[in-house]
Amino acid sequence: MSDRLHEIIGQIGIFHNEFIKNDKIKDVDIVLDELANEEEDLLNHYCKLLLQYYFQENDIENVKKLLLAGYKFDVMMDDVKAAFCNIKSGKENVIEFLDESIVFLKDTNFEKPLEQMYKYYNSNEENKVNLEHAISIIQKNRYVCAYAYKNQNKKYAKLFLNEGLLDSLKRDLPYLLK
């Protein structure tokens, strides 16, 4: 199995680089058509990674297509940060679309992603309005709220601290705040 996994990883890298190089990556239907004759395990591994790639790129149309095809991946805070930093318009974004996954995300890596999202949020006044809804979703995550509370000395903490959720955590889950 480990030999097969190394083979799959190598093939995925080759496919992915080719799809990027020739711009086929922009349309998941083209990618899936080109991979239709590949072995199922390779297709499954690649499509999970491709879903993560599209999520990070904030490519909602391709995310929707892969989700409808039955693929999933575990969203991590670095993925949220990448997607957030790719919000450039008021159109629906992947954070809004997968809001429940973001709200219930459990991770331990918050410092750098929150700091980078804070910097991105403050880097362009005109884009702030496009980021507000995504911020409100991230603020609903109890682990983000607890982290922001425990790190109030950080510049970004105030942006991500949800006072209503904090009151609930103090009452119902105080161990998260220690």
C-alpha atoms as a PDB file:
ATOM      1  CA  MET A   1       0.000   0.000   0.000  1.00  0.00           C
ATOM      2  CA  SER A   2       2.748   2.487   0.838  1.00  0.00           C
ATOM      3  CA  ASP A   3       4.308   2.020  -2.610  1.00  0.00           C
ATOM      4  CA  ARG A   4       0.919   2.704  -4.169  1.00  0.00           C
ATOM      5  CA  LEU A   5       0.462   5.809  -2.036  1.00  0.00           C
ATOM      6  CA  HIS A   6       3.819   7.185  -3.189  1.00  0.00           C
ATOM      7  CA  GLU A   7       2.824   6.437  -6.773  1.00  0.00           C
ATOM      8  CA  ILE A   8      -0.525   8.207  -6.311  1.00  0.00           C
ATOM      9  CA  ILE A   9       1.149  11.253  -4.742  1.00  0.00           C
ATOM     10  CA  GLY A  10       3.585  11.455  -7.648  1.00  0.00           C
ATOM     11  CA  GLN A  11       0.843  11.144 -10.242  1.00  0.00           C
ATOM     12  CA  ILE A  12      -1.307  13.732  -8.467  1.00  0.00           C
ATOM     13  CA  GLY A  13       1.577  16.195  -8.508  1.00  0.00           C
ATOM     14  CA  ILE A  14       2.095  15.688 -12.227  1.00  0.00           C
ATOM     15  CA  PHE A  15      -1.615  16.007 -13.036  1.00  0.00           C
ATOM     16  CA  HIS A  16      -2.057  19.077 -10.853  1.00  0.00           C
ATOM     17  CA  ASN A  17       0.930  20.917 -12.305  1.00  0.00           C
ATOM     18  CA  GLU A  18      -0.222  20.147 -15.859  1.00  0.00           C
ATOM     19  CA  PHE A  19      -3.779  21.297 -15.120  1.00  0.00           C
ATOM     20  CA  ILE A  20      -2.431  24.563 -13.718  1.00  0.00           C
ATOM     21  CA  LYS A  21       0.040  25.062 -16.561  1.00  0.00           C
ATOM     22  CA  ASN A  22      -2.598  24.679 -19.267  1.00  0.00           C
ATOM     23  CA  ASP A  23      -5.394  26.470 -17.305  1.00  0.00           C
ATOM     24  CA  LYS A  24      -7.601  23.371 -17.249  1.00  0.00           C
ATOM     25  CA  ILE A  25      -7.632  23.715 -13.449  1.00  0.00           C
ATOM     26  CA  LYS A  26     -10.172  26.529 -13.854  1.00  0.00           C
ATOM     27  CA  ASP A  27     -12.904  24.032 -14.821  1.00  0.00           C
ATOM     28  CA  VAL A  28     -13.350  20.922 -12.697  1.00  0.00           C
ATOM     29  CA  ASP A  29     -15.472  19.309 -15.430  1.00  0.00           C
ATOM     30  CA  ILE A  30     -12.468  19.317 -17.774  1.00  0.00           C
ATOM     31  CA  VAL A  31     -10.249  17.921 -15.006  1.00  0.00           C
ATOM     32  CA  LEU A  32     -12.716  15.139 -14.226  1.00  0.00           C
ATOM     33  CA  ASP A  33     -13.090  14.287 -17.914  1.00  0.00           C
ATOM     34  CA  GLU A  34      -9.327  13.977 -18.284  1.00  0.00           C
ATOM     35  CA  LEU A  35      -9.112  11.765 -15.197  1.00  0.00           C
ATOM     36  CA  ALA A  36     -12.121   9.590 -16.071  1.00  0.00           C
ATOM     37  CA  ASN A  37      -9.984   6.613 -17.086  1.00  0.00           C
ATOM     38  CA  GLU A  38      -7.660   6.756 -14.082  1.00  0.00           C
ATOM     39  CA  GLU A  39      -7.859   4.297 -11.211  1.00  0.00           C
ATOM     40  CA  GLU A  40     -10.503   5.055  -8.621  1.00  0.00           C
ATOM     41  CA  ASP A  41      -8.103   5.456  -5.687  1.00  0.00           C
ATOM     42  CA  LEU A  42      -6.054   8.033  -7.594  1.00  0.00           C
ATOM     43  CA  LEU A  43      -9.211   9.907  -8.620  1.00  0.00           C
ATOM     44  CA  ASN A  44     -10.511   9.922  -5.035  1.00  0.00           C
ATOM     45  CA  HIS A  45      -7.243  11.188  -3.566  1.00  0.00           C
ATOM     46  CA  TYR A  46      -6.863  13.862  -6.196  1.00  0.00           C
ATOM     47  CA  CYS A  47     -10.444  15.093  -5.995  1.00  0.00           C
ATOM     48  CA  LYS A  48     -10.184  15.539  -2.221  1.00  0.00           C
ATOM     49  CA  LEU A  49      -7.025  17.584  -2.681  1.00  0.00           C
ATOM     50  CA  LEU A  50      -8.608  19.427  -5.585  1.00  0.00           C
ATOM     51  CA  LEU A  51     -11.587  20.326  -3.400  1.00  0.00           C
ATOM     52  CA  GLN A  52      -9.197  21.761  -0.826  1.00  0.00           C
ATOM     53  CA  TYR A  53      -7.379  23.671  -3.587  1.00  0.00           C
ATOM     54  CA  TYR A  54     -10.630  25.180  -4.900  1.00  0.00           C
ATOM     55  CA  PHE A  55     -11.717  26.053  -1.364  1.00  0.00           C
ATOM     56  CA  GLN A  56      -8.441  27.866  -0.717  1.00  0.00           C
ATOM     57  CA  GLU A  57      -8.776  29.685  -4.041  1.00  0.00           C
ATOM     58  CA  ASN A  58     -12.351  30.702  -3.121  1.00  0.00           C
ATOM     59  CA  ASP A  59     -13.572  29.048  -6.322  1.00  0.00           C
ATOM     60  CA  ILE A  60     -17.129  28.418  -5.224  1.00  0.00           C
ATOM     61  CA  GLU A  61     -18.431  26.986  -8.505  1.00  0.00           C
ATOM     62  CA  ASN A  62     -15.841  24.227  -8.616  1.00  0.00           C
ATOM     63  CA  VAL A  63     -16.251  23.580  -4.874  1.00  0.00           C
ATOM     64  CA  LYS A  64     -19.984  23.065  -5.398  1.00  0.00           C
ATOM     65  CA  LYS A  65     -19.394  20.652  -8.297  1.00  0.00           C
ATOM     66  CA  LEU A  66     -16.982  18.494  -6.294  1.00  0.00           C
ATOM     67  CA  LEU A  67     -19.264  18.494  -3.250  1.00  0.00           C
ATOM     68  CA  LEU A  68     -22.154  17.384  -5.456  1.00  0.00           C
ATOM     69  CA  ALA A  69     -19.926  14.590  -6.759  1.00  0.00           C
ATOM     70  CA  GLY A  70     -19.579  13.407  -3.145  1.00  0.00           C
ATOM     71  CA  TYR A  71     -16.075  14.582  -2.269  1.00  0.00           C
ATOM     72  CA  LYS A  72     -15.179  16.051   1.119  1.00  0.00           C
ATOM     73  CA  PHE A  73     -12.132  17.287   2.976  1.00  0.00           C
ATOM     74  CA  ASP A  74     -11.428  18.367   6.530  1.00  0.00           C
ATOM     75  CA  VAL A  75     -11.304  22.152   6.610  1.00  0.00           C
ATOM     76  CA  MET A  76      -8.442  23.540   8.688  1.00  0.00           C
ATOM     77  CA  MET A  77      -7.751  27.107   9.792  1.00  0.00           C
ATOM     78  CA  ASP A  78      -5.033  27.525   7.144  1.00  0.00           C
ATOM     79  CA  ASP A  79      -7.654  26.672   4.498  1.00  0.00           C
ATOM     80  CA  VAL A  80     -10.017  29.297   5.918  1.00  0.00           C
ATOM     81  CA  LYS A  81      -7.206  31.866   5.919  1.00  0.00           C
ATOM     82  CA  ALA A  82      -6.348  31.134   2.274  1.00  0.00           C
ATOM     83  CA  ALA A  83     -10.002  31.328   1.204  1.00  0.00           C
ATOM     84  CA  PHE A  84     -10.537  34.531   3.204  1.00  0.00           C
ATOM     85  CA  CYS A  85      -7.520  36.158   1.572  1.00  0.00           C
ATOM     86  CA  ASN A  86      -8.990  35.290  -1.826  1.00  0.00           C
ATOM     87  CA  ILE A  87     -12.276  37.136  -1.246  1.00  0.00           C
ATOM     88  CA  LYS A  88     -12.158  40.036  -3.666  1.00  0.00           C
ATOM     89  CA  SER A  89     -15.819  40.787  -4.346  1.00  0.00           C
ATOM     90  CA  GLY A  90     -19.254  40.786  -2.768  1.00  0.00           C
ATOM     91  CA  LYS A  91     -20.194  37.534  -4.492  1.00  0.00           C
ATOM     92  CA  GLU A  92     -20.939  34.483  -2.360  1.00  0.00           C
ATOM     93  CA  ASN A  93     -17.721  32.924  -1.133  1.00  0.00           C
ATOM     94  CA  VAL A  94     -16.739  29.470   0.089  1.00  0.00           C
ATOM     95  CA  ILE A  95     -16.706  30.542   3.740  1.00  0.00           C
ATOM     96  CA  GLU A  96     -20.331  31.643   3.489  1.00  0.00           C
ATOM     97  CA  PHE A  97     -21.264  28.558   1.486  1.00  0.00           C
ATOM     98  CA  LEU A  98     -19.676  26.151   3.980  1.00  0.00           C
ATOM     99  CA  ASP A  99     -20.495  28.248   7.031  1.00  0.00           C
ATOM    100  CA  GLU A 100     -21.361  25.302   9.293  1.00  0.00           C
ATOM    101  CA  SER A 101     -18.000  23.679   8.578  1.00  0.00           C
ATOM    102  CA  ILE A 102     -16.307  26.934   9.559  1.00  0.00           C
ATOM    103  CA  VAL A 103     -18.398  27.461  12.689  1.00  0.00           C
ATOM    104  CA  PHE A 104     -17.695  23.926  13.948  1.00  0.00           C
ATOM    105  CA  LEU A 105     -14.067  23.729  12.813  1.00  0.00           C
ATOM    106  CA  LYS A 106     -11.755  22.473  15.524  1.00  0.00           C
ATOM    107  CA  ASP A 107      -8.086  23.290  15.146  1.00  0.00           C
ATOM    108  CA  THR A 108      -5.154  24.372  17.276  1.00  0.00           C
ATOM    109  CA  ASN A 109      -3.491  26.584  14.666  1.00  0.00           C
ATOM    110  CA  PHE A 110      -4.980  30.051  15.101  1.00  0.00           C
ATOM    111  CA  GLU A 111      -2.232  32.617  15.605  1.00  0.00           C
ATOM    112  CA  LYS A 112      -0.814  32.980  12.090  1.00  0.00           C
ATOM    113  CA  PRO A 113      -4.099  32.459  10.211  1.00  0.00           C
ATOM    114  CA  LEU A 114      -5.964  35.025  12.350  1.00  0.00           C
ATOM    115  CA  GLU A 115      -3.082  37.476  12.111  1.00  0.00           C
ATOM    116  CA  GLN A 116      -2.944  37.126   8.313  1.00  0.00           C
ATOM    117  CA  MET A 117      -6.721  37.489   7.972  1.00  0.00           C
ATOM    118  CA  TYR A 118      -6.579  40.601  10.157  1.00  0.00           C
ATOM    119  CA  LYS A 119      -3.844  42.091   7.966  1.00  0.00           C
ATOM    120  CA  TYR A 120      -5.761  41.250   4.800  1.00  0.00           C
ATOM    121  CA  TYR A 121      -8.950  42.737   6.249  1.00  0.00           C
ATOM    122  CA  ASN A 122      -7.149  45.992   7.074  1.00  0.00           C
ATOM    123  CA  SER A 123      -5.117  46.165   3.868  1.00  0.00           C
ATOM    124  CA  ASN A 124      -7.894  47.453   1.624  1.00  0.00           C
ATOM    125  CA  GLU A 125     -10.718  49.669   2.891  1.00  0.00           C
ATOM    126  CA  GLU A 126     -12.841  49.081  -0.219  1.00  0.00           C
ATOM    127  CA  ASN A 127     -12.737  45.292   0.225  1.00  0.00           C
ATOM    128  CA  LYS A 128     -13.727  45.324   3.921  1.00  0.00           C
ATOM    129  CA  VAL A 129     -17.423  45.269   3.102  1.00  0.00           C
ATOM    130  CA  ASN A 130     -16.885  42.063   1.095  1.00  0.00           C
ATOM    131  CA  LEU A 131     -15.206  40.421   4.083  1.00  0.00           C
ATOM    132  CA  GLU A 132     -17.727  41.319   6.790  1.00  0.00           C
ATOM    133  CA  HIS A 133     -19.958  38.264   6.408  1.00  0.00           C
ATOM    134  CA  ALA A 134     -16.978  35.902   6.380  1.00  0.00           C
ATOM    135  CA  ILE A 135     -15.679  37.596   9.546  1.00  0.00           C
ATOM    136  CA  SER A 136     -19.048  37.118  11.244  1.00  0.00           C
ATOM    137  CA  ILE A 137     -18.981  33.395  10.416  1.00  0.00           C
ATOM    138  CA  ILE A 138     -15.433  32.959  11.726  1.00  0.00           C
ATOM    139  CA  GLN A 139     -16.435  34.828  14.910  1.00  0.00           C
ATOM    140  CA  LYS A 140     -19.086  32.160  15.581  1.00  0.00           C
ATOM    141  CA  ASN A 141     -16.421  29.477  16.012  1.00  0.00           C
ATOM    142  CA  ARG A 142     -16.042  28.800  19.724  1.00  0.00           C
ATOM    143  CA  TYR A 143     -12.353  27.883  19.402  1.00  0.00           C
ATOM    144  CA  VAL A 144     -11.587  31.127  17.560  1.00  0.00           C
ATOM    145  CA  CYS A 145     -13.502  33.050  20.209  1.00  0.00           C
ATOM    146  CA  ALA A 146     -11.659  31.289  23.045  1.00  0.00           C
ATOM    147  CA  TYR A 147      -8.315  31.879  21.355  1.00  0.00           C
ATOM    148  CA  ALA A 148      -9.091  35.572  20.812  1.00  0.00           C
ATOM    149  CA  TYR A 149     -10.173  35.905  24.448  1.00  0.00           C
ATOM    150  CA  LYS A 150      -6.967  34.285  25.720  1.00  0.00           C
ATOM    151  CA  ASN A 151      -4.858  36.483  23.421  1.00  0.00           C
ATOM    152  CA  GLN A 152      -6.492  39.885  23.840  1.00  0.00           C
ATOM    153  CA  ASN A 153      -3.065  41.515  23.703  1.00  0.00           C
ATOM    154  CA  LYS A 154      -2.828  40.632  19.984  1.00  0.00           C
ATOM    155  CA  LYS A 155      -4.003  43.261  17.496  1.00  0.00           C
ATOM    156  CA  TYR A 156      -6.300  40.831  15.716  1.00  0.00           C
ATOM    157  CA  ALA A 157      -8.062  39.521  18.833  1.00  0.00           C
ATOM    158  CA  LYS A 158     -10.694  42.264  18.956  1.00  0.00           C
ATOM    159  CA  LEU A 159     -11.766  41.586  15.354  1.00  0.00           C
ATOM    160  CA  PHE A 160     -12.390  37.899  16.034  1.00  0.00           C
ATOM    161  CA  LEU A 161     -13.762  38.101  19.580  1.00  0.00           C
ATOM    162  CA  ASN A 162     -17.509  37.461  19.722  1.00  0.00           C
ATOM    163  CA  GLU A 163     -18.803  38.924  22.998  1.00  0.00           C
ATOM    164  CA  GLY A 164     -22.126  37.039  22.885  1.00  0.00           C
ATOM    165  CA  LEU A 165     -20.394  33.731  22.272  1.00  0.00           C
ATOM    166  CA  LEU A 166     -17.828  34.589  24.948  1.00  0.00           C
ATOM    167  CA  ASP A 167     -20.605  35.009  27.531  1.00  0.00           C
ATOM    168  CA  SER A 168     -21.983  31.614  26.532  1.00  0.00           C
ATOM    169  CA  LEU A 169     -18.527  30.013  26.767  1.00  0.00           C
ATOM    170  CA  LYS A 170     -17.975  31.518  30.214  1.00  0.00           C
ATOM    171  CA  ARG A 171     -21.251  30.034  31.341  1.00  0.00           C
ATOM    172  CA  ASP A 172     -21.314  26.669  29.547  1.00  0.00           C
ATOM    173  CA  LEU A 173     -17.729  25.789  28.552  1.00  0.00           C
ATOM    174  CA  PRO A 174     -15.395  27.711  30.882  1.00  0.00           C
ATOM    175  CA  TYR A 175     -12.609  25.138  30.424  1.00  0.00           C
ATOM    176  CA  LEU A 176     -12.115  26.421  26.868  1.00  0.00           C
ATOM    177  CA  LEU A 177     -11.111  29.800  28.260  1.00  0.00           C
ATOM    178  CA  LYS A 178      -8.340  28.543  30.559  1.00  0.00           C
END
